Amino acid sequence: MESVLVKEYRAGIMECAHHGHISIVNDQGEVTGSAGDPHFVTFTRSAAKPLQAICAIRGGIVSHYGLSEKEIAIMTASHMAEQEHVEVLESIMKKTGLSEAELVCAPSYPLNEESKEDVLRHDGSKRRLYHNCSGKHLGVLAYCKMKGYPLEGYAEPGHPVQKEIIETVSLMCGIKAEQIDLGTDGCGFPVFALPLSAMAAAYVKLACPDLINDEAVREAVQIITRAMNRYPEMVGGSGRIDSLILQDTNIVAKGGFKGVYCFGLKQERLGIAFKVLDGSEEEWGWIVESILEQIGYSNQTLIQQLKESFSHDILNDAGKKVGHADTVFQLQTVQP
């Protein structure tokens, strides 16, 4: 049964209640904490991007194309097409010889409002490069080109690169590939239906790659997560929680559309995954803040930054406080 995670109040009256599930997994893959159902099955959405990047990095695209750490980081991103994002994406295309037309993700406007307004003031054209998943697509296409895989159909489940990806996701999550149900993500890629506990288990391994027996995968994870921590602005963008908490080098984190969020803690050797059932993302900052406080996380500076960046005050269109939000869940200790 789901747990109430967040309640929102206006004029002292509860207006909204956001239900969901939280799963906390240790470095043995055991659930040690939860709210709601720690094994609730949902789609990974973009929280899978660091996992989807592993095949290309393991395969050697970094040295083959001379990629920078910023270029690696944006392959895990749900970027906002801010100017620096676009510059890095264009650099990848130049190094790899890929064209924007080869991307299957839809032409889009930037998610960043300032960047979108700048586009509209100029030519007003949507671009596939502006799509928040374009870095992931370029990374996979670059790998296909290097391996001699066909570029056409690279997003289809039966394509060789997608078969490699699902095997890697299987390895990281500890679930057999044939047991992972697939859907289609917004960008056209296969998306994985997994228990939250399996997502959390994968994020333990992202945070603690010594848990990965496969040496090539382990080295790829180290390259990917180092890039994410060194260039957190590439992973999200202005005002995004990913870019804030990745500044803490003890954390590996990535959110996905429709309310799914995952992060791993290196020193604590924990993976955490949660799902807001109504698909909302506005509550992520509050939920992460509460989880960190409840487990006694030592970086109080980060917790304070979360409080300041994701205020519990509810404001109206003119910026006046008209209500507040409270996180109301209590993590339950689970005996492995």
C-alpha atoms as a PDB file:
ATOM      1  CA  MET A   1       0.000   0.000   0.000  1.00  0.00           C
ATOM      2  CA  GLU A   2       1.285   3.449  -0.866  1.00  0.00           C
ATOM      3  CA  SER A   3       2.332   6.016   1.714  1.00  0.00           C
ATOM      4  CA  VAL A   4       1.423   9.697   1.813  1.00  0.00           C
ATOM      5  CA  LEU A   5       4.725  11.441   1.117  1.00  0.00           C
ATOM      6  CA  VAL A   6       3.777  15.123   0.950  1.00  0.00           C
ATOM      7  CA  LYS A   7       0.750  17.212   1.946  1.00  0.00           C
ATOM      8  CA  GLU A   8       0.111  20.717   0.634  1.00  0.00           C
ATOM      9  CA  TYR A   9      -1.906  23.290   2.536  1.00  0.00           C
ATOM     10  CA  ARG A  10      -3.573  26.524   1.449  1.00  0.00           C
ATOM     11  CA  ALA A  11      -5.142  28.793   4.084  1.00  0.00           C
ATOM     12  CA  GLY A  12      -4.603  25.985   6.598  1.00  0.00           C
ATOM     13  CA  ILE A  13      -6.690  23.530   4.579  1.00  0.00           C
ATOM     14  CA  MET A  14      -5.081  20.481   2.995  1.00  0.00           C
ATOM     15  CA  GLU A  15      -5.381  20.924  -0.765  1.00  0.00           C
ATOM     16  CA  CYS A  16      -3.238  18.082  -2.114  1.00  0.00           C
ATOM     17  CA  ALA A  17      -1.747  14.833  -0.877  1.00  0.00           C
ATOM     18  CA  HIS A  18       1.006  13.175  -2.901  1.00  0.00           C
ATOM     19  CA  HIS A  19       1.213   9.416  -2.409  1.00  0.00           C
ATOM     20  CA  GLY A  20       4.133   7.201  -3.331  1.00  0.00           C
ATOM     21  CA  HIS A  21       6.696   4.581  -2.438  1.00  0.00           C
ATOM     22  CA  ILE A  22      10.317   4.712  -1.215  1.00  0.00           C
ATOM     23  CA  SER A  23      12.918   1.931  -1.228  1.00  0.00           C
ATOM     24  CA  ILE A  24      16.336   1.995   0.458  1.00  0.00           C
ATOM     25  CA  VAL A  25      18.777  -0.812  -0.355  1.00  0.00           C
ATOM     26  CA  ASN A  26      22.175  -1.619   1.137  1.00  0.00           C
ATOM     27  CA  ASP A  27      25.328  -2.874  -0.590  1.00  0.00           C
ATOM     28  CA  GLN A  28      24.117  -6.472  -0.249  1.00  0.00           C
ATOM     29  CA  GLY A  29      21.033  -5.643  -2.303  1.00  0.00           C
ATOM     30  CA  GLU A  30      18.801  -5.903   0.775  1.00  0.00           C
ATOM     31  CA  VAL A  31      15.963  -3.510   1.517  1.00  0.00           C
ATOM     32  CA  THR A  32      16.770  -1.768   4.809  1.00  0.00           C
ATOM     33  CA  GLY A  33      14.264   1.092   4.778  1.00  0.00           C
ATOM     34  CA  SER A  34      10.998   1.969   3.119  1.00  0.00           C
ATOM     35  CA  ALA A  35       7.792   3.930   2.939  1.00  0.00           C
ATOM     36  CA  GLY A  36       4.938   2.252   1.119  1.00  0.00           C
ATOM     37  CA  ASP A  37       5.941  -0.720  -1.017  1.00  0.00           C
ATOM     38  CA  PRO A  38       9.740  -0.916  -1.530  1.00  0.00           C
ATOM     39  CA  HIS A  39       9.202  -3.342  -4.431  1.00  0.00           C
ATOM     40  CA  PHE A  40       6.618  -1.253  -6.294  1.00  0.00           C
ATOM     41  CA  VAL A  41       7.097  -1.730 -10.045  1.00  0.00           C
ATOM     42  CA  THR A  42       7.326   1.389 -12.183  1.00  0.00           C
ATOM     43  CA  PHE A  43       9.169   2.657 -15.240  1.00  0.00           C
ATOM     44  CA  THR A  44      12.683   3.961 -14.798  1.00  0.00           C
ATOM     45  CA  ARG A  45      12.247   6.768 -17.325  1.00  0.00           C
ATOM     46  CA  SER A  46      15.346   9.021 -17.368  1.00  0.00           C
ATOM     47  CA  ALA A  47      16.654   7.642 -14.076  1.00  0.00           C
ATOM     48  CA  ALA A  48      18.066   4.856 -16.272  1.00  0.00           C
ATOM     49  CA  LYS A  49      20.302   7.192 -18.287  1.00  0.00           C
ATOM     50  CA  PRO A  50      23.524   6.569 -16.310  1.00  0.00           C
ATOM     51  CA  LEU A  51      22.888   2.831 -16.856  1.00  0.00           C
ATOM     52  CA  GLN A  52      22.138   3.288 -20.559  1.00  0.00           C
ATOM     53  CA  ALA A  53      25.465   5.110 -21.010  1.00  0.00           C
ATOM     54  CA  ILE A  54      27.535   2.207 -19.696  1.00  0.00           C
ATOM     55  CA  CYS A  55      27.698   0.186 -22.938  1.00  0.00           C
ATOM     56  CA  ALA A  56      29.096   3.057 -24.991  1.00  0.00           C
ATOM     57  CA  ILE A  57      31.652   4.059 -22.364  1.00  0.00           C
ATOM     58  CA  ARG A  58      32.654   0.431 -21.762  1.00  0.00           C
ATOM     59  CA  GLY A  59      33.000   0.011 -25.528  1.00  0.00           C
ATOM     60  CA  GLY A  60      35.619   2.749 -25.760  1.00  0.00           C
ATOM     61  CA  ILE A  61      33.900   5.790 -27.276  1.00  0.00           C
ATOM     62  CA  VAL A  62      35.782   8.165 -24.958  1.00  0.00           C
ATOM     63  CA  SER A  63      39.214   7.415 -26.404  1.00  0.00           C
ATOM     64  CA  HIS A  64      37.885   6.646 -29.897  1.00  0.00           C
ATOM     65  CA  TYR A  65      36.343  10.092 -30.327  1.00  0.00           C
ATOM     66  CA  GLY A  66      38.392  12.053 -27.788  1.00  0.00           C
ATOM     67  CA  LEU A  67      35.379  12.931 -25.633  1.00  0.00           C
ATOM     68  CA  SER A  68      35.580  15.271 -22.653  1.00  0.00           C
ATOM     69  CA  GLU A  69      34.052  14.699 -19.240  1.00  0.00           C
ATOM     70  CA  LYS A  70      31.385  17.311 -20.015  1.00  0.00           C
ATOM     71  CA  GLU A  71      30.446  15.310 -23.092  1.00  0.00           C
ATOM     72  CA  ILE A  72      30.257  12.125 -21.023  1.00  0.00           C
ATOM     73  CA  ALA A  73      28.106  13.821 -18.378  1.00  0.00           C
ATOM     74  CA  ILE A  74      25.571  15.113 -20.888  1.00  0.00           C
ATOM     75  CA  MET A  75      25.023  11.555 -22.130  1.00  0.00           C
ATOM     76  CA  THR A  76      23.355  10.893 -18.745  1.00  0.00           C
ATOM     77  CA  ALA A  77      21.377  14.132 -18.828  1.00  0.00           C
ATOM     78  CA  SER A  78      17.858  15.400 -18.946  1.00  0.00           C
ATOM     79  CA  HIS A  79      19.299  18.720 -19.985  1.00  0.00           C
ATOM     80  CA  MET A  80      17.458  21.998 -20.462  1.00  0.00           C
ATOM     81  CA  ALA A  81      19.141  23.056 -23.715  1.00  0.00           C
ATOM     82  CA  GLU A  82      20.861  25.977 -22.068  1.00  0.00           C
ATOM     83  CA  GLN A  83      23.632  27.530 -24.130  1.00  0.00           C
ATOM     84  CA  GLU A  84      26.413  25.421 -22.617  1.00  0.00           C
ATOM     85  CA  HIS A  85      24.382  22.247 -23.110  1.00  0.00           C
ATOM     86  CA  VAL A  86      23.909  23.000 -26.791  1.00  0.00           C
ATOM     87  CA  GLU A  87      27.591  23.818 -27.239  1.00  0.00           C
ATOM     88  CA  VAL A  88      28.612  20.492 -25.681  1.00  0.00           C
ATOM     89  CA  LEU A  89      26.091  18.555 -27.777  1.00  0.00           C
ATOM     90  CA  GLU A  90      27.317  20.240 -30.957  1.00  0.00           C
ATOM     91  CA  SER A  91      30.879  19.367 -29.955  1.00  0.00           C
ATOM     92  CA  ILE A  92      29.892  15.691 -29.714  1.00  0.00           C
ATOM     93  CA  MET A  93      28.366  15.829 -33.196  1.00  0.00           C
ATOM     94  CA  LYS A  94      31.516  17.434 -34.596  1.00  0.00           C
ATOM     95  CA  LYS A  95      33.801  14.824 -33.015  1.00  0.00           C
ATOM     96  CA  THR A  96      31.655  11.854 -34.012  1.00  0.00           C
ATOM     97  CA  GLY A  97      30.520  13.033 -37.427  1.00  0.00           C
ATOM     98  CA  LEU A  98      26.887  12.410 -36.487  1.00  0.00           C
ATOM     99  CA  SER A  99      24.108  14.609 -37.813  1.00  0.00           C
ATOM    100  CA  GLU A 100      21.154  15.932 -35.886  1.00  0.00           C
ATOM    101  CA  ALA A 101      18.800  14.325 -38.418  1.00  0.00           C
ATOM    102  CA  GLU A 102      19.931  10.872 -37.243  1.00  0.00           C
ATOM    103  CA  LEU A 103      18.376  11.405 -33.802  1.00  0.00           C
ATOM    104  CA  VAL A 104      14.933   9.841 -33.365  1.00  0.00           C
ATOM    105  CA  CYS A 105      13.956  12.127 -30.478  1.00  0.00           C
ATOM    106  CA  ALA A 106      11.430  14.756 -31.545  1.00  0.00           C
ATOM    107  CA  PRO A 107      12.323  18.355 -32.443  1.00  0.00           C
ATOM    108  CA  SER A 108      11.688  20.409 -29.307  1.00  0.00           C
ATOM    109  CA  TYR A 109      12.102  23.795 -27.717  1.00  0.00           C
ATOM    110  CA  PRO A 110      14.541  24.178 -24.808  1.00  0.00           C
ATOM    111  CA  LEU A 111      13.135  23.346 -21.371  1.00  0.00           C
ATOM    112  CA  ASN A 112      14.943  26.361 -19.945  1.00  0.00           C
ATOM    113  CA  GLU A 113      12.596  29.340 -20.315  1.00  0.00           C
ATOM    114  CA  GLU A 114      15.353  31.867 -21.010  1.00  0.00           C
ATOM    115  CA  SER A 115      16.837  29.620 -23.687  1.00  0.00           C
ATOM    116  CA  LYS A 116      13.404  29.029 -25.194  1.00  0.00           C
ATOM    117  CA  GLU A 117      12.704  32.770 -25.350  1.00  0.00           C
ATOM    118  CA  ASP A 118      16.077  33.306 -27.012  1.00  0.00           C
ATOM    119  CA  VAL A 119      15.216  30.696 -29.666  1.00  0.00           C
ATOM    120  CA  LEU A 120      11.798  32.265 -30.267  1.00  0.00           C
ATOM    121  CA  ARG A 121      13.348  35.720 -30.635  1.00  0.00           C
ATOM    122  CA  HIS A 122      15.681  34.410 -33.338  1.00  0.00           C
ATOM    123  CA  ASP A 123      14.581  31.776 -35.863  1.00  0.00           C
ATOM    124  CA  GLY A 124      11.927  30.184 -33.632  1.00  0.00           C
ATOM    125  CA  SER A 125      12.786  26.682 -34.826  1.00  0.00           C
ATOM    126  CA  LYS A 126      12.595  23.518 -32.778  1.00  0.00           C
ATOM    127  CA  ARG A 127      15.634  21.230 -32.890  1.00  0.00           C
ATOM    128  CA  ARG A 128      16.185  17.587 -32.054  1.00  0.00           C
ATOM    129  CA  LEU A 129      19.288  18.727 -30.196  1.00  0.00           C
ATOM    130  CA  TYR A 130      17.091  20.721 -27.803  1.00  0.00           C
ATOM    131  CA  HIS A 131      15.293  17.540 -26.711  1.00  0.00           C
ATOM    132  CA  ASN A 132      16.283  16.781 -23.119  1.00  0.00           C
ATOM    133  CA  CYS A 133      17.374  13.235 -24.082  1.00  0.00           C
ATOM    134  CA  SER A 134      19.573  14.182 -27.049  1.00  0.00           C
ATOM    135  CA  GLY A 135      22.822  13.552 -25.160  1.00  0.00           C
ATOM    136  CA  LYS A 136      21.797   9.951 -24.474  1.00  0.00           C
ATOM    137  CA  HIS A 137      20.907   9.473 -28.132  1.00  0.00           C
ATOM    138  CA  LEU A 138      24.196  10.912 -29.374  1.00  0.00           C
ATOM    139  CA  GLY A 139      26.158   8.640 -27.043  1.00  0.00           C
ATOM    140  CA  VAL A 140      24.345   5.526 -28.243  1.00  0.00           C
ATOM    141  CA  LEU A 141      24.631   6.563 -31.900  1.00  0.00           C
ATOM    142  CA  ALA A 142      28.355   7.229 -31.477  1.00  0.00           C
ATOM    143  CA  TYR A 143      28.775   3.721 -30.087  1.00  0.00           C
ATOM    144  CA  CYS A 144      26.781   2.217 -32.973  1.00  0.00           C
ATOM    145  CA  LYS A 145      28.963   4.050 -35.482  1.00  0.00           C
ATOM    146  CA  MET A 146      32.165   2.888 -33.791  1.00  0.00           C
ATOM    147  CA  LYS A 147      30.961  -0.734 -33.592  1.00  0.00           C
ATOM    148  CA  GLY A 148      29.611  -0.811 -37.134  1.00  0.00           C
ATOM    149  CA  TYR A 149      26.058  -1.342 -35.956  1.00  0.00           C
ATOM    150  CA  PRO A 150      23.358   0.110 -38.216  1.00  0.00           C
ATOM    151  CA  LEU A 151      22.376   3.625 -37.198  1.00  0.00           C
ATOM    152  CA  GLU A 152      18.873   3.112 -38.494  1.00  0.00           C
ATOM    153  CA  GLY A 153      16.583   1.591 -35.899  1.00  0.00           C
ATOM    154  CA  TYR A 154      19.032   2.214 -33.051  1.00  0.00           C
ATOM    155  CA  ALA A 155      16.134   2.933 -30.661  1.00  0.00           C
ATOM    156  CA  GLU A 156      14.263  -0.292 -31.398  1.00  0.00           C
ATOM    157  CA  PRO A 157      14.338  -3.056 -28.729  1.00  0.00           C
ATOM    158  CA  GLY A 158      15.674  -5.604 -31.234  1.00  0.00           C
ATOM    159  CA  HIS A 159      18.666  -3.478 -32.264  1.00  0.00           C
ATOM    160  CA  PRO A 160      22.043  -4.876 -31.114  1.00  0.00           C
ATOM    161  CA  VAL A 161      22.813  -1.783 -29.039  1.00  0.00           C
ATOM    162  CA  GLN A 162      19.503  -1.983 -27.177  1.00  0.00           C
ATOM    163  CA  LYS A 163      20.113  -5.662 -26.471  1.00  0.00           C
ATOM    164  CA  GLU A 164      23.481  -4.720 -24.946  1.00  0.00           C
ATOM    165  CA  ILE A 165      21.839  -1.994 -22.889  1.00  0.00           C
ATOM    166  CA  ILE A 166      19.174  -4.249 -21.395  1.00  0.00           C
ATOM    167  CA  GLU A 167      21.806  -6.860 -20.491  1.00  0.00           C
ATOM    168  CA  THR A 168      23.747  -4.136 -18.670  1.00  0.00           C
ATOM    169  CA  VAL A 169      20.631  -2.895 -16.895  1.00  0.00           C
ATOM    170  CA  SER A 170      19.996  -6.508 -15.885  1.00  0.00           C
ATOM    171  CA  LEU A 171      23.507  -6.803 -14.452  1.00  0.00           C
ATOM    172  CA  MET A 172      23.209  -3.567 -12.498  1.00  0.00           C
ATOM    173  CA  CYS A 173      19.707  -4.240 -11.139  1.00  0.00           C
ATOM    174  CA  GLY A 174      20.122  -7.922 -10.398  1.00  0.00           C
ATOM    175  CA  ILE A 175      17.111  -8.992 -12.479  1.00  0.00           C
ATOM    176  CA  LYS A 176      17.238 -11.313 -15.479  1.00  0.00           C
ATOM    177  CA  ALA A 177      16.848  -9.429 -18.760  1.00  0.00           C
ATOM    178  CA  GLU A 178      13.930 -11.574 -19.868  1.00  0.00           C
ATOM    179  CA  GLN A 179      12.072 -10.612 -16.684  1.00  0.00           C
ATOM    180  CA  ILE A 180      12.288  -6.877 -17.415  1.00  0.00           C
ATOM    181  CA  ASP A 181       9.153  -5.587 -19.110  1.00  0.00           C
ATOM    182  CA  LEU A 182       9.673  -2.850 -21.692  1.00  0.00           C
ATOM    183  CA  GLY A 183       7.674   0.206 -22.668  1.00  0.00           C
ATOM    184  CA  THR A 184       8.563   3.083 -24.974  1.00  0.00           C
ATOM    185  CA  ASP A 185       9.933   6.268 -23.439  1.00  0.00           C
ATOM    186  CA  GLY A 186       8.976   9.765 -24.551  1.00  0.00           C
ATOM    187  CA  CYS A 187      12.167  10.049 -26.596  1.00  0.00           C
ATOM    188  CA  GLY A 188      11.547   6.751 -28.445  1.00  0.00           C
ATOM    189  CA  PHE A 189      13.949   4.527 -26.470  1.00  0.00           C
ATOM    190  CA  PRO A 190      12.910   1.343 -24.676  1.00  0.00           C
ATOM    191  CA  VAL A 191      12.116   2.055 -21.026  1.00  0.00           C
ATOM    192  CA  PHE A 192      12.359  -0.507 -18.247  1.00  0.00           C
ATOM    193  CA  ALA A 193       9.671  -1.545 -15.761  1.00  0.00           C
ATOM    194  CA  LEU A 194      11.476  -2.418 -12.532  1.00  0.00           C
ATOM    195  CA  PRO A 195      10.800  -2.710  -8.805  1.00  0.00           C
ATOM    196  CA  LEU A 196      12.017   0.354  -6.912  1.00  0.00           C
ATOM    197  CA  SER A 197      14.261  -2.005  -4.938  1.00  0.00           C
ATOM    198  CA  ALA A 198      16.003  -3.034  -8.179  1.00  0.00           C
ATOM    199  CA  MET A 199      16.507   0.609  -9.186  1.00  0.00           C
ATOM    200  CA  ALA A 200      17.945   1.317  -5.741  1.00  0.00           C
ATOM    201  CA  ALA A 201      20.236  -1.730  -6.096  1.00  0.00           C
ATOM    202  CA  ALA A 202      21.549  -0.347  -9.380  1.00  0.00           C
ATOM    203  CA  TYR A 203      22.266   3.005  -7.743  1.00  0.00           C
ATOM    204  CA  VAL A 204      24.214   1.306  -4.945  1.00  0.00           C
ATOM    205  CA  LYS A 205      26.471  -0.052  -7.671  1.00  0.00           C
ATOM    206  CA  LEU A 206      26.726   3.344  -9.379  1.00  0.00           C
ATOM    207  CA  ALA A 207      27.804   4.832  -6.040  1.00  0.00           C
ATOM    208  CA  CYS A 208      29.989   1.852  -5.063  1.00  0.00           C
ATOM    209  CA  PRO A 209      31.416   0.345  -8.267  1.00  0.00           C
ATOM    210  CA  ASP A 210      33.557  -2.066  -6.258  1.00  0.00           C
ATOM    211  CA  LEU A 211      30.331  -4.111  -6.035  1.00  0.00           C
ATOM    212  CA  ILE A 212      30.442  -4.725  -9.810  1.00  0.00           C
ATOM    213  CA  ASN A 213      32.267  -7.942 -10.692  1.00  0.00           C
ATOM    214  CA  ASP A 214      32.627  -7.155 -14.394  1.00  0.00           C
ATOM    215  CA  GLU A 215      35.823  -5.080 -14.638  1.00  0.00           C
ATOM    216  CA  ALA A 216      34.894  -3.284 -17.865  1.00  0.00           C
ATOM    217  CA  VAL A 217      31.479  -2.288 -16.505  1.00  0.00           C
ATOM    218  CA  ARG A 218      33.070  -1.200 -13.231  1.00  0.00           C
ATOM    219  CA  GLU A 219      35.558   1.049 -15.020  1.00  0.00           C
ATOM    220  CA  ALA A 220      32.788   2.515 -17.213  1.00  0.00           C
ATOM    221  CA  VAL A 221      30.695   3.338 -14.139  1.00  0.00           C
ATOM    222  CA  GLN A 222      33.659   5.080 -12.545  1.00  0.00           C
ATOM    223  CA  ILE A 223      34.142   7.210 -15.670  1.00  0.00           C
ATOM    224  CA  ILE A 224      30.440   8.090 -15.893  1.00  0.00           C
ATOM    225  CA  THR A 225      29.857   8.964 -12.245  1.00  0.00           C
ATOM    226  CA  ARG A 226      33.087  10.977 -12.016  1.00  0.00           C
ATOM    227  CA  ALA A 227      31.922  13.067 -14.963  1.00  0.00           C
ATOM    228  CA  MET A 228      28.478  13.548 -13.404  1.00  0.00           C
ATOM    229  CA  ASN A 229      29.991  14.802 -10.152  1.00  0.00           C
ATOM    230  CA  ARG A 230      32.556  17.053 -11.845  1.00  0.00           C
ATOM    231  CA  TYR A 231      30.029  18.605 -14.235  1.00  0.00           C
ATOM    232  CA  PRO A 232      26.644  18.416 -12.481  1.00  0.00           C
ATOM    233  CA  GLU A 233      25.321  21.334 -14.533  1.00  0.00           C
ATOM    234  CA  MET A 234      25.495  19.080 -17.603  1.00  0.00           C
ATOM    235  CA  VAL A 235      23.198  16.474 -16.024  1.00  0.00           C
ATOM    236  CA  GLY A 236      20.286  18.820 -15.380  1.00  0.00           C
ATOM    237  CA  GLY A 237      20.662  22.546 -15.522  1.00  0.00           C
ATOM    238  CA  SER A 238      19.622  25.700 -13.713  1.00  0.00           C
ATOM    239  CA  GLY A 239      17.379  25.010 -10.744  1.00  0.00           C
ATOM    240  CA  ARG A 240      17.337  21.227 -11.213  1.00  0.00           C
ATOM    241  CA  ILE A 241      17.772  18.987  -8.183  1.00  0.00           C
ATOM    242  CA  ASP A 242      20.132  16.641 -10.063  1.00  0.00           C
ATOM    243  CA  SER A 243      22.614  19.443 -10.615  1.00  0.00           C
ATOM    244  CA  LEU A 244      22.352  20.574  -6.991  1.00  0.00           C
ATOM    245  CA  ILE A 245      22.909  17.295  -5.189  1.00  0.00           C
ATOM    246  CA  LEU A 246      25.547  16.008  -7.642  1.00  0.00           C
ATOM    247  CA  GLN A 247      27.757  18.822  -6.344  1.00  0.00           C
ATOM    248  CA  ASP A 248      28.137  16.561  -3.305  1.00  0.00           C
ATOM    249  CA  THR A 249      30.693  14.055  -4.590  1.00  0.00           C
ATOM    250  CA  ASN A 250      29.285  11.453  -2.190  1.00  0.00           C
ATOM    251  CA  ILE A 251      26.080  11.288  -4.246  1.00  0.00           C
ATOM    252  CA  VAL A 252      25.180   9.857  -7.645  1.00  0.00           C
ATOM    253  CA  ALA A 253      21.667  10.911  -8.654  1.00  0.00           C
ATOM    254  CA  LYS A 254      19.245  11.067 -11.569  1.00  0.00           C
ATOM    255  CA  GLY A 255      15.536  11.662 -11.857  1.00  0.00           C
ATOM    256  CA  GLY A 256      13.053  10.514 -14.451  1.00  0.00           C
ATOM    257  CA  PHE A 257       9.772  11.800 -15.814  1.00  0.00           C
ATOM    258  CA  LYS A 258       6.509  10.975 -14.025  1.00  0.00           C
ATOM    259  CA  GLY A 259       7.860  11.233 -10.505  1.00  0.00           C
ATOM    260  CA  VAL A 260      10.654   8.643 -10.294  1.00  0.00           C
ATOM    261  CA  TYR A 261      13.936   9.585  -8.584  1.00  0.00           C
ATOM    262  CA  CYS A 262      17.048   7.588  -7.681  1.00  0.00           C
ATOM    263  CA  PHE A 263      20.264   8.348  -5.851  1.00  0.00           C
ATOM    264  CA  GLY A 264      23.159   6.457  -4.342  1.00  0.00           C
ATOM    265  CA  LEU A 265      25.311   7.363  -1.342  1.00  0.00           C
ATOM    266  CA  LYS A 266      28.943   6.300  -1.557  1.00  0.00           C
ATOM    267  CA  GLN A 267      30.148   6.347   2.057  1.00  0.00           C
ATOM    268  CA  GLU A 268      26.863   5.023   3.420  1.00  0.00           C
ATOM    269  CA  ARG A 269      26.745   2.395   0.641  1.00  0.00           C
ATOM    270  CA  LEU A 270      23.026   2.869   0.097  1.00  0.00           C
ATOM    271  CA  GLY A 271      20.788   3.134  -2.941  1.00  0.00           C
ATOM    272  CA  ILE A 272      17.488   5.008  -2.725  1.00  0.00           C
ATOM    273  CA  ALA A 273      14.630   5.090  -5.215  1.00  0.00           C
ATOM    274  CA  PHE A 274      11.196   6.638  -4.919  1.00  0.00           C
ATOM    275  CA  LYS A 275       8.107   7.198  -6.994  1.00  0.00           C
ATOM    276  CA  VAL A 276       5.524   9.965  -6.622  1.00  0.00           C
ATOM    277  CA  LEU A 277       2.416   8.218  -7.860  1.00  0.00           C
ATOM    278  CA  ASP A 278       0.721  11.224  -9.435  1.00  0.00           C
ATOM    279  CA  GLY A 279       3.817  11.734 -11.587  1.00  0.00           C
ATOM    280  CA  SER A 280       4.699  15.104 -10.099  1.00  0.00           C
ATOM    281  CA  GLU A 281       8.315  16.271  -9.804  1.00  0.00           C
ATOM    282  CA  GLU A 282       7.740  19.367  -7.663  1.00  0.00           C
ATOM    283  CA  GLU A 283       8.028  17.271  -4.505  1.00  0.00           C
ATOM    284  CA  TRP A 284      11.437  15.753  -5.278  1.00  0.00           C
ATOM    285  CA  GLY A 285      13.472  18.323  -3.370  1.00  0.00           C
ATOM    286  CA  TRP A 286      11.301  18.003  -0.271  1.00  0.00           C
ATOM    287  CA  ILE A 287      11.385  14.207  -0.344  1.00  0.00           C
ATOM    288  CA  VAL A 288      15.168  13.995  -0.852  1.00  0.00           C
ATOM    289  CA  GLU A 289      15.683  16.511   1.956  1.00  0.00           C
ATOM    290  CA  SER A 290      13.502  14.475   4.336  1.00  0.00           C
ATOM    291  CA  ILE A 291      15.169  11.166   3.426  1.00  0.00           C
ATOM    292  CA  LEU A 292      18.616  12.613   4.063  1.00  0.00           C
ATOM    293  CA  GLU A 293      17.503  14.086   7.382  1.00  0.00           C
ATOM    294  CA  GLN A 294      15.850  10.851   8.503  1.00  0.00           C
ATOM    295  CA  ILE A 295      18.922   8.716   7.771  1.00  0.00           C
ATOM    296  CA  GLY A 296      21.166  11.227   9.566  1.00  0.00           C
ATOM    297  CA  TYR A 297      23.114  12.336   6.500  1.00  0.00           C
ATOM    298  CA  SER A 298      26.245  14.185   7.556  1.00  0.00           C
ATOM    299  CA  ASN A 299      26.344  16.907   4.880  1.00  0.00           C
ATOM    300  CA  GLN A 300      24.189  19.514   6.597  1.00  0.00           C
ATOM    301  CA  THR A 301      25.260  22.126   4.054  1.00  0.00           C
ATOM    302  CA  LEU A 302      23.545  20.146   1.299  1.00  0.00           C
ATOM    303  CA  ILE A 303      20.380  19.719   3.373  1.00  0.00           C
ATOM    304  CA  GLN A 304      20.301  23.473   3.964  1.00  0.00           C
ATOM    305  CA  GLN A 305      20.797  24.090   0.237  1.00  0.00           C
ATOM    306  CA  LEU A 306      17.821  21.836  -0.469  1.00  0.00           C
ATOM    307  CA  LYS A 307      15.710  23.798   2.024  1.00  0.00           C
ATOM    308  CA  GLU A 308      16.686  27.073   0.370  1.00  0.00           C
ATOM    309  CA  SER A 309      16.393  25.891  -3.230  1.00  0.00           C
ATOM    310  CA  PHE A 310      13.124  24.004  -2.775  1.00  0.00           C
ATOM    311  CA  SER A 311      11.193  26.087  -0.298  1.00  0.00           C
ATOM    312  CA  HIS A 312       8.212  24.527   1.451  1.00  0.00           C
ATOM    313  CA  ASP A 313       6.351  27.809   0.959  1.00  0.00           C
ATOM    314  CA  ILE A 314       3.639  27.772  -1.710  1.00  0.00           C
ATOM    315  CA  LEU A 315       3.554  31.042  -3.631  1.00  0.00           C
ATOM    316  CA  ASN A 316       0.935  32.556  -5.875  1.00  0.00           C
ATOM    317  CA  ASP A 317       1.667  34.015  -9.317  1.00  0.00           C
ATOM    318  CA  ALA A 318       2.789  37.304  -7.767  1.00  0.00           C
ATOM    319  CA  GLY A 319       5.256  35.576  -5.435  1.00  0.00           C
ATOM    320  CA  LYS A 320       3.130  35.953  -2.292  1.00  0.00           C
ATOM    321  CA  LYS A 321       3.099  33.072   0.197  1.00  0.00           C
ATOM    322  CA  VAL A 322      -0.336  31.454   0.192  1.00  0.00           C
ATOM    323  CA  GLY A 323       0.391  28.043   1.698  1.00  0.00           C
ATOM    324  CA  HIS A 324       2.987  25.471   2.611  1.00  0.00           C
ATOM    325  CA  ALA A 325       3.998  21.868   1.981  1.00  0.00           C
ATOM    326  CA  ASP A 326       4.984  19.269   4.558  1.00  0.00           C
ATOM    327  CA  THR A 327       6.742  15.952   4.065  1.00  0.00           C
ATOM    328  CA  VAL A 328       4.789  13.554   6.262  1.00  0.00           C
ATOM    329  CA  PHE A 329       6.283  10.095   5.640  1.00  0.00           C
ATOM    330  CA  GLN A 330       8.365   8.256   8.212  1.00  0.00           C
ATOM    331  CA  LEU A 331      10.880   5.760   6.895  1.00  0.00           C
ATOM    332  CA  GLN A 332      10.371   2.288   8.296  1.00  0.00           C
ATOM    333  CA  THR A 333      13.380   0.157   9.150  1.00  0.00           C
ATOM    334  CA  VAL A 334      13.294  -3.189   7.382  1.00  0.00           C
ATOM    335  CA  GLN A 335      15.241  -6.134   8.759  1.00  0.00           C
ATOM    336  CA  PRO A 336      17.004  -7.902   5.851  1.00  0.00           C
END
